[in-house]
Amino acid sequence: MPVEPAPSRWNLDEQQQDDVAQDLIAVGADLQPGTLLAAYRAGMFPMGIGDDGRRPIGWWSPVRRGVLLPGEFHVSRSLRRSRHRYRVTYNLAFGDVVEACGDPSRPGRWITPEVRAAYEQLHRLGWAHSIETWDDGGALVGGLYGVCTGGVFAAESMFHRATDAGKVAVWGLTELVFGDGDERRLIDVQWQTEHLATLGVREIPRRDYLRRVALAADVPLPSCWSDTPGPS
């Protein structure tokens, strides 16, 4: 089972979000494991508001949240063909996935060394996970990482170096998260984009998202992540 860290010294209460009419809820605090888990359990996620994601830390809860719900992942014909070209694993190369997602040459970069270290610590505790896609030659060509608390997987970032490699990683994630058929589970992608919409991601109001997070709080972790304390 994942290891519960020391509680955060900061007050991260989902009730504080009701009166905020923007995506950015608060600024400050830290990236300690207990703070990160408290934030995710309250429906928030961190992203620095300085240049390229640097401090100060912003805590976000989008007014319109992008989510993928059970049974709504869309598999196109081209994606189905692509799946056969890749091997999908989980927690096999967490650090490499985060490094690829944080490539400084990517536009809109926000994953700083501090952020990377924080999520690697969460990974060691058994809360942060990666999905990897590999080509026939054994090269890492796509993947994503995020945090799983109860029935919610909060996806943080995704990358690809080959056609559909990132989409195949999302497909693999849906199989892990939604495999038991529990309708309370959801995958949070923060914001809906045109690209993610093609995979079945929809927008829901913040209040609906927070309600779903509360309902999913007592859902057991997917078995693949509850049986081991961290990296596989």
C-alpha atoms as a PDB file:
ATOM      1  CA  MET A   1       0.000   0.000   0.000  1.00  0.00           C
ATOM      2  CA  PRO A   2       1.143   3.604  -0.530  1.00  0.00           C
ATOM      3  CA  VAL A   3       2.746   5.312   2.444  1.00  0.00           C
ATOM      4  CA  GLU A   4       0.747   8.186   3.943  1.00  0.00           C
ATOM      5  CA  PRO A   5       3.089  11.177   4.470  1.00  0.00           C
ATOM      6  CA  ALA A   6       3.015  13.680   7.300  1.00  0.00           C
ATOM      7  CA  PRO A   7      -0.015  15.989   6.988  1.00  0.00           C
ATOM      8  CA  SER A   8       0.357  19.396   5.388  1.00  0.00           C
ATOM      9  CA  ARG A   9       0.698  22.460   7.575  1.00  0.00           C
ATOM     10  CA  TRP A  10      -1.397  24.399   5.061  1.00  0.00           C
ATOM     11  CA  ASN A  11      -5.185  24.610   4.943  1.00  0.00           C
ATOM     12  CA  LEU A  12      -6.273  23.202   1.584  1.00  0.00           C
ATOM     13  CA  ASP A  13     -10.041  23.069   1.883  1.00  0.00           C
ATOM     14  CA  GLU A  14     -12.231  22.433  -1.149  1.00  0.00           C
ATOM     15  CA  GLN A  15     -14.960  24.625   0.360  1.00  0.00           C
ATOM     16  CA  GLN A  16     -12.770  27.687  -0.222  1.00  0.00           C
ATOM     17  CA  GLN A  17     -13.187  27.258  -3.983  1.00  0.00           C
ATOM     18  CA  ASP A  18     -16.893  28.071  -4.208  1.00  0.00           C
ATOM     19  CA  ASP A  19     -16.502  31.828  -4.256  1.00  0.00           C
ATOM     20  CA  VAL A  20     -13.549  31.966  -6.673  1.00  0.00           C
ATOM     21  CA  ALA A  21     -14.598  32.709 -10.253  1.00  0.00           C
ATOM     22  CA  GLN A  22     -11.223  31.917 -11.826  1.00  0.00           C
ATOM     23  CA  ASP A  23      -9.074  28.829 -12.293  1.00  0.00           C
ATOM     24  CA  LEU A  24      -6.296  30.025  -9.967  1.00  0.00           C
ATOM     25  CA  ILE A  25      -7.462  29.436  -6.386  1.00  0.00           C
ATOM     26  CA  ALA A  26      -4.455  30.315  -4.216  1.00  0.00           C
ATOM     27  CA  VAL A  27      -0.726  31.103  -4.280  1.00  0.00           C
ATOM     28  CA  GLY A  28       2.044  29.919  -1.962  1.00  0.00           C
ATOM     29  CA  ALA A  29       2.522  26.898   0.328  1.00  0.00           C
ATOM     30  CA  ASP A  30       4.993  24.120  -0.589  1.00  0.00           C
ATOM     31  CA  LEU A  31       5.358  20.906  -2.581  1.00  0.00           C
ATOM     32  CA  GLN A  32       5.768  18.504   0.321  1.00  0.00           C
ATOM     33  CA  PRO A  33       4.043  15.124  -0.154  1.00  0.00           C
ATOM     34  CA  GLY A  34       1.391  15.867   2.445  1.00  0.00           C
ATOM     35  CA  THR A  35       0.568  19.188   0.801  1.00  0.00           C
ATOM     36  CA  LEU A  36       0.307  17.665  -2.665  1.00  0.00           C
ATOM     37  CA  LEU A  37      -1.984  14.864  -1.489  1.00  0.00           C
ATOM     38  CA  ALA A  38      -4.192  17.278   0.443  1.00  0.00           C
ATOM     39  CA  ALA A  39      -4.504  19.429  -2.667  1.00  0.00           C
ATOM     40  CA  TYR A  40      -5.470  16.551  -4.949  1.00  0.00           C
ATOM     41  CA  ARG A  41      -7.979  15.266  -2.419  1.00  0.00           C
ATOM     42  CA  ALA A  42      -9.515  18.755  -2.388  1.00  0.00           C
ATOM     43  CA  GLY A  43      -9.637  18.930  -6.190  1.00  0.00           C
ATOM     44  CA  MET A  44      -6.627  21.207  -6.718  1.00  0.00           C
ATOM     45  CA  PHE A  45      -3.259  20.826  -8.435  1.00  0.00           C
ATOM     46  CA  PRO A  46      -0.055  22.911  -8.408  1.00  0.00           C
ATOM     47  CA  MET A  47       1.573  24.835 -11.225  1.00  0.00           C
ATOM     48  CA  GLY A  48       4.051  27.647 -10.721  1.00  0.00           C
ATOM     49  CA  ILE A  49       2.967  31.057 -11.951  1.00  0.00           C
ATOM     50  CA  GLY A  50       6.500  32.382 -12.433  1.00  0.00           C
ATOM     51  CA  ASP A  51       8.443  32.153 -15.685  1.00  0.00           C
ATOM     52  CA  ASP A  52       8.425  28.574 -17.065  1.00  0.00           C
ATOM     53  CA  GLY A  53       6.573  27.281 -14.020  1.00  0.00           C
ATOM     54  CA  ARG A  54       8.870  28.744 -11.378  1.00  0.00           C
ATOM     55  CA  ARG A  55       7.709  29.948  -7.976  1.00  0.00           C
ATOM     56  CA  PRO A  56       5.451  31.211  -6.599  1.00  0.00           C
ATOM     57  CA  ILE A  57       3.366  28.051  -6.609  1.00  0.00           C
ATOM     58  CA  GLY A  58      -0.150  28.487  -7.932  1.00  0.00           C
ATOM     59  CA  TRP A  59      -2.959  26.155  -6.848  1.00  0.00           C
ATOM     60  CA  TRP A  60      -5.504  25.559  -9.568  1.00  0.00           C
ATOM     61  CA  SER A  61      -9.094  24.331  -9.719  1.00  0.00           C
ATOM     62  CA  PRO A  62     -10.481  25.058 -13.200  1.00  0.00           C
ATOM     63  CA  VAL A  63     -13.983  26.485 -13.369  1.00  0.00           C
ATOM     64  CA  ARG A  64     -14.515  24.046 -16.257  1.00  0.00           C
ATOM     65  CA  ARG A  65     -12.659  20.801 -15.550  1.00  0.00           C
ATOM     66  CA  GLY A  66     -11.492  18.366 -18.210  1.00  0.00           C
ATOM     67  CA  VAL A  67     -12.277  14.764 -17.258  1.00  0.00           C
ATOM     68  CA  LEU A  68     -12.402  11.318 -18.806  1.00  0.00           C
ATOM     69  CA  LEU A  69     -15.194   9.182 -17.387  1.00  0.00           C
ATOM     70  CA  PRO A  70     -15.676   5.396 -17.480  1.00  0.00           C
ATOM     71  CA  GLY A  71     -16.790   4.136 -20.857  1.00  0.00           C
ATOM     72  CA  GLU A  72     -16.107   7.407 -22.674  1.00  0.00           C
ATOM     73  CA  PHE A  73     -12.586   6.856 -24.009  1.00  0.00           C
ATOM     74  CA  HIS A  74     -12.800   7.012 -27.788  1.00  0.00           C
ATOM     75  CA  VAL A  75     -10.681   4.605 -29.820  1.00  0.00           C
ATOM     76  CA  SER A  76     -10.409   5.595 -33.472  1.00  0.00           C
ATOM     77  CA  ARG A  77      -9.480   3.142 -36.195  1.00  0.00           C
ATOM     78  CA  SER A  78      -6.059   4.727 -36.587  1.00  0.00           C
ATOM     79  CA  LEU A  79      -5.419   4.545 -32.834  1.00  0.00           C
ATOM     80  CA  ARG A  80      -6.435   0.889 -32.775  1.00  0.00           C
ATOM     81  CA  ARG A  81      -3.865   0.204 -35.490  1.00  0.00           C
ATOM     82  CA  SER A  82      -1.225   2.184 -33.604  1.00  0.00           C
ATOM     83  CA  ARG A  83      -1.740   0.198 -30.408  1.00  0.00           C
ATOM     84  CA  HIS A  84      -0.154  -2.856 -32.002  1.00  0.00           C
ATOM     85  CA  ARG A  85       3.070  -0.948 -32.642  1.00  0.00           C
ATOM     86  CA  TYR A  86       3.750  -0.216 -28.979  1.00  0.00           C
ATOM     87  CA  ARG A  87       4.301  -2.001 -25.685  1.00  0.00           C
ATOM     88  CA  VAL A  88       2.607  -0.395 -22.687  1.00  0.00           C
ATOM     89  CA  THR A  89       4.021  -0.559 -19.146  1.00  0.00           C
ATOM     90  CA  TYR A  90       3.455   1.277 -15.870  1.00  0.00           C
ATOM     91  CA  ASN A  91       5.898   2.553 -13.242  1.00  0.00           C
ATOM     92  CA  LEU A  92       8.796   1.153 -15.226  1.00  0.00           C
ATOM     93  CA  ALA A  93      10.449   4.487 -16.091  1.00  0.00           C
ATOM     94  CA  PHE A  94       8.816   7.157 -13.930  1.00  0.00           C
ATOM     95  CA  GLY A  95      11.821   9.478 -13.839  1.00  0.00           C
ATOM     96  CA  ASP A  96      12.341   9.240 -17.600  1.00  0.00           C
ATOM     97  CA  VAL A  97       8.686  10.074 -18.253  1.00  0.00           C
ATOM     98  CA  VAL A  98       8.757  13.148 -15.997  1.00  0.00           C
ATOM     99  CA  GLU A  99      12.025  14.252 -17.586  1.00  0.00           C
ATOM    100  CA  ALA A 100      10.508  13.935 -21.070  1.00  0.00           C
ATOM    101  CA  CYS A 101       7.389  15.814 -20.019  1.00  0.00           C
ATOM    102  CA  GLY A 102       9.592  18.562 -18.596  1.00  0.00           C
ATOM    103  CA  ASP A 103      11.789  18.918 -21.693  1.00  0.00           C
ATOM    104  CA  PRO A 104      12.739  22.631 -21.680  1.00  0.00           C
ATOM    105  CA  SER A 105      12.337  22.789 -25.465  1.00  0.00           C
ATOM    106  CA  ARG A 106       8.598  22.070 -25.201  1.00  0.00           C
ATOM    107  CA  PRO A 107       6.264  25.080 -25.504  1.00  0.00           C
ATOM    108  CA  GLY A 108       4.420  26.041 -22.335  1.00  0.00           C
ATOM    109  CA  ARG A 109       6.910  24.240 -20.153  1.00  0.00           C
ATOM    110  CA  TRP A 110       6.211  24.361 -16.429  1.00  0.00           C
ATOM    111  CA  ILE A 111       7.894  21.275 -14.904  1.00  0.00           C
ATOM    112  CA  THR A 112      10.825  22.703 -12.957  1.00  0.00           C
ATOM    113  CA  PRO A 113      13.514  20.656 -11.168  1.00  0.00           C
ATOM    114  CA  GLU A 114      11.631  21.363  -7.925  1.00  0.00           C
ATOM    115  CA  VAL A 115       8.394  19.967  -9.382  1.00  0.00           C
ATOM    116  CA  ARG A 116      10.180  16.926 -10.746  1.00  0.00           C
ATOM    117  CA  ALA A 117      11.769  16.189  -7.356  1.00  0.00           C
ATOM    118  CA  ALA A 118       8.408  16.576  -5.595  1.00  0.00           C
ATOM    119  CA  TYR A 119       6.654  14.040  -7.822  1.00  0.00           C
ATOM    120  CA  GLU A 120       9.543  11.608  -7.693  1.00  0.00           C
ATOM    121  CA  GLN A 121       9.165  11.688  -3.915  1.00  0.00           C
ATOM    122  CA  LEU A 122       5.430  11.008  -4.274  1.00  0.00           C
ATOM    123  CA  HIS A 123       6.314   8.130  -6.584  1.00  0.00           C
ATOM    124  CA  ARG A 124       8.625   6.603  -3.985  1.00  0.00           C
ATOM    125  CA  LEU A 125       5.767   6.792  -1.489  1.00  0.00           C
ATOM    126  CA  GLY A 126       3.476   4.981  -3.924  1.00  0.00           C
ATOM    127  CA  TRP A 127       1.128   7.825  -4.932  1.00  0.00           C
ATOM    128  CA  ALA A 128       2.518   9.069  -8.265  1.00  0.00           C
ATOM    129  CA  HIS A 129       2.590   6.746 -11.272  1.00  0.00           C
ATOM    130  CA  SER A 130       3.686   6.651 -14.873  1.00  0.00           C
ATOM    131  CA  ILE A 131       2.426   4.923 -17.984  1.00  0.00           C
ATOM    132  CA  GLU A 132       5.044   4.272 -20.676  1.00  0.00           C
ATOM    133  CA  THR A 133       4.863   3.324 -24.351  1.00  0.00           C
ATOM    134  CA  TRP A 134       7.826   1.654 -26.049  1.00  0.00           C
ATOM    135  CA  ASP A 135       8.500   0.952 -29.708  1.00  0.00           C
ATOM    136  CA  ASP A 136       9.696  -2.336 -31.164  1.00  0.00           C
ATOM    137  CA  GLY A 137      13.303  -1.290 -30.663  1.00  0.00           C
ATOM    138  CA  GLY A 138      12.834  -0.753 -26.927  1.00  0.00           C
ATOM    139  CA  ALA A 139      12.875   3.053 -27.065  1.00  0.00           C
ATOM    140  CA  LEU A 140      10.620   5.103 -24.809  1.00  0.00           C
ATOM    141  CA  VAL A 141       8.395   6.979 -27.268  1.00  0.00           C
ATOM    142  CA  GLY A 142       5.509   8.211 -25.145  1.00  0.00           C
ATOM    143  CA  GLY A 143       4.011   8.334 -21.703  1.00  0.00           C
ATOM    144  CA  LEU A 144       2.256  10.257 -18.980  1.00  0.00           C
ATOM    145  CA  TYR A 145       2.398  10.617 -15.225  1.00  0.00           C
ATOM    146  CA  GLY A 146       0.011  11.629 -12.485  1.00  0.00           C
ATOM    147  CA  VAL A 147      -1.271  11.039  -8.976  1.00  0.00           C
ATOM    148  CA  CYS A 148      -3.862   8.473  -7.913  1.00  0.00           C
ATOM    149  CA  THR A 149      -5.936   9.080  -4.788  1.00  0.00           C
ATOM    150  CA  GLY A 150      -8.847   6.712  -4.287  1.00  0.00           C
ATOM    151  CA  GLY A 151     -10.894   6.577  -7.464  1.00  0.00           C
ATOM    152  CA  VAL A 152      -9.328   9.663  -9.068  1.00  0.00           C
ATOM    153  CA  PHE A 153      -6.253   9.627 -11.276  1.00  0.00           C
ATOM    154  CA  ALA A 154      -5.026  13.198 -11.741  1.00  0.00           C
ATOM    155  CA  ALA A 155      -2.961  13.224 -14.925  1.00  0.00           C
ATOM    156  CA  GLU A 156      -0.237  15.869 -14.806  1.00  0.00           C
ATOM    157  CA  SER A 157       1.541  15.745 -18.149  1.00  0.00           C
ATOM    158  CA  MET A 158       1.963  13.640 -21.286  1.00  0.00           C
ATOM    159  CA  PHE A 159       4.541  13.424 -24.064  1.00  0.00           C
ATOM    160  CA  HIS A 160       5.099  11.578 -27.329  1.00  0.00           C
ATOM    161  CA  ARG A 161       7.999  11.064 -29.687  1.00  0.00           C
ATOM    162  CA  ALA A 162       6.130   8.880 -32.193  1.00  0.00           C
ATOM    163  CA  THR A 163       2.687   8.983 -33.767  1.00  0.00           C
ATOM    164  CA  ASP A 164      -0.110   8.146 -31.285  1.00  0.00           C
ATOM    165  CA  ALA A 165       2.368   7.069 -28.584  1.00  0.00           C
ATOM    166  CA  GLY A 166       0.850   9.492 -26.077  1.00  0.00           C
ATOM    167  CA  LYS A 167      -2.695   8.444 -26.970  1.00  0.00           C
ATOM    168  CA  VAL A 168      -1.776   4.798 -26.484  1.00  0.00           C
ATOM    169  CA  ALA A 169      -0.480   5.708 -23.003  1.00  0.00           C
ATOM    170  CA  VAL A 170      -3.869   7.262 -22.205  1.00  0.00           C
ATOM    171  CA  TRP A 171      -5.554   4.095 -23.473  1.00  0.00           C
ATOM    172  CA  GLY A 172      -3.366   2.027 -21.178  1.00  0.00           C
ATOM    173  CA  LEU A 173      -4.245   4.327 -18.292  1.00  0.00           C
ATOM    174  CA  THR A 174      -7.978   3.868 -18.853  1.00  0.00           C
ATOM    175  CA  GLU A 175      -7.524   0.103 -18.716  1.00  0.00           C
ATOM    176  CA  LEU A 176      -5.792   0.372 -15.339  1.00  0.00           C
ATOM    177  CA  VAL A 177      -8.124   2.937 -13.765  1.00  0.00           C
ATOM    178  CA  PHE A 178     -11.467   1.761 -15.173  1.00  0.00           C
ATOM    179  CA  GLY A 179     -10.724  -1.950 -15.263  1.00  0.00           C
ATOM    180  CA  ASP A 180     -13.005  -2.906 -12.378  1.00  0.00           C
ATOM    181  CA  GLY A 181     -16.076  -1.160 -13.810  1.00  0.00           C
ATOM    182  CA  ASP A 182     -16.616   1.142 -10.800  1.00  0.00           C
ATOM    183  CA  GLU A 183     -18.554   4.112 -12.205  1.00  0.00           C
ATOM    184  CA  ARG A 184     -17.252   6.419  -9.462  1.00  0.00           C
ATOM    185  CA  ARG A 185     -13.756   6.442 -10.946  1.00  0.00           C
ATOM    186  CA  LEU A 186     -12.516   9.265 -13.145  1.00  0.00           C
ATOM    187  CA  ILE A 187      -9.391  10.537 -14.845  1.00  0.00           C
ATOM    188  CA  ASP A 188      -8.726  14.249 -14.388  1.00  0.00           C
ATOM    189  CA  VAL A 189      -6.845  15.984 -17.228  1.00  0.00           C
ATOM    190  CA  GLN A 190      -7.193  19.508 -15.795  1.00  0.00           C
ATOM    191  CA  TRP A 191      -8.318  21.303 -18.957  1.00  0.00           C
ATOM    192  CA  GLN A 192     -10.024  19.977 -22.050  1.00  0.00           C
ATOM    193  CA  THR A 193      -8.080  20.619 -25.261  1.00  0.00           C
ATOM    194  CA  GLU A 194      -9.058  19.962 -28.856  1.00  0.00           C
ATOM    195  CA  HIS A 195      -6.608  17.053 -28.884  1.00  0.00           C
ATOM    196  CA  LEU A 196      -7.970  15.511 -25.676  1.00  0.00           C
ATOM    197  CA  ALA A 197     -11.562  15.985 -26.811  1.00  0.00           C
ATOM    198  CA  THR A 198     -10.906  13.529 -29.659  1.00  0.00           C
ATOM    199  CA  LEU A 199     -10.192  10.895 -26.977  1.00  0.00           C
ATOM    200  CA  GLY A 200     -13.496  11.459 -25.199  1.00  0.00           C
ATOM    201  CA  VAL A 201     -12.482  14.096 -22.638  1.00  0.00           C
ATOM    202  CA  ARG A 202     -15.393  16.328 -21.647  1.00  0.00           C
ATOM    203  CA  GLU A 203     -15.758  19.468 -19.537  1.00  0.00           C
ATOM    204  CA  ILE A 204     -17.749  19.519 -16.318  1.00  0.00           C
ATOM    205  CA  PRO A 205     -18.374  22.411 -13.892  1.00  0.00           C
ATOM    206  CA  ARG A 206     -16.066  22.738 -10.899  1.00  0.00           C
ATOM    207  CA  ARG A 207     -18.865  21.942  -8.464  1.00  0.00           C
ATOM    208  CA  ASP A 208     -19.659  18.706 -10.294  1.00  0.00           C
ATOM    209  CA  TYR A 209     -15.979  17.780 -10.325  1.00  0.00           C
ATOM    210  CA  LEU A 210     -15.621  18.362  -6.575  1.00  0.00           C
ATOM    211  CA  ARG A 211     -18.736  16.267  -5.959  1.00  0.00           C
ATOM    212  CA  ARG A 212     -17.228  13.424  -7.981  1.00  0.00           C
ATOM    213  CA  VAL A 213     -13.923  13.722  -6.108  1.00  0.00           C
ATOM    214  CA  ALA A 214     -15.772  13.398  -2.798  1.00  0.00           C
ATOM    215  CA  LEU A 215     -17.688  10.335  -4.048  1.00  0.00           C
ATOM    216  CA  ALA A 216     -14.449   8.728  -5.253  1.00  0.00           C
ATOM    217  CA  ALA A 217     -12.538   9.346  -2.017  1.00  0.00           C
ATOM    218  CA  ASP A 218     -13.402   5.945  -0.530  1.00  0.00           C
ATOM    219  CA  VAL A 219     -12.942   3.973  -3.743  1.00  0.00           C
ATOM    220  CA  PRO A 220      -9.992   1.568  -3.440  1.00  0.00           C
ATOM    221  CA  LEU A 221      -6.907   2.295  -5.473  1.00  0.00           C
ATOM    222  CA  PRO A 222      -6.606   0.230  -8.652  1.00  0.00           C
ATOM    223  CA  SER A 223      -5.130  -3.112  -7.626  1.00  0.00           C
ATOM    224  CA  CYS A 224      -1.982  -2.579  -9.692  1.00  0.00           C
ATOM    225  CA  TRP A 225      -1.076   0.376  -7.460  1.00  0.00           C
ATOM    226  CA  SER A 226      -2.393  -0.805  -4.102  1.00  0.00           C
ATOM    227  CA  ASP A 227      -0.319  -3.961  -3.844  1.00  0.00           C
ATOM    228  CA  THR A 228       3.108  -2.343  -4.078  1.00  0.00           C
ATOM    229  CA  PRO A 229       4.591   0.635  -2.189  1.00  0.00           C
ATOM    230  CA  GLY A 230       6.125   2.368  -5.194  1.00  0.00           C
ATOM    231  CA  PRO A 231       8.165   1.671  -8.294  1.00  0.00           C
ATOM    232  CA  SER A 232       7.746  -1.665  -9.989  1.00  0.00           C
END
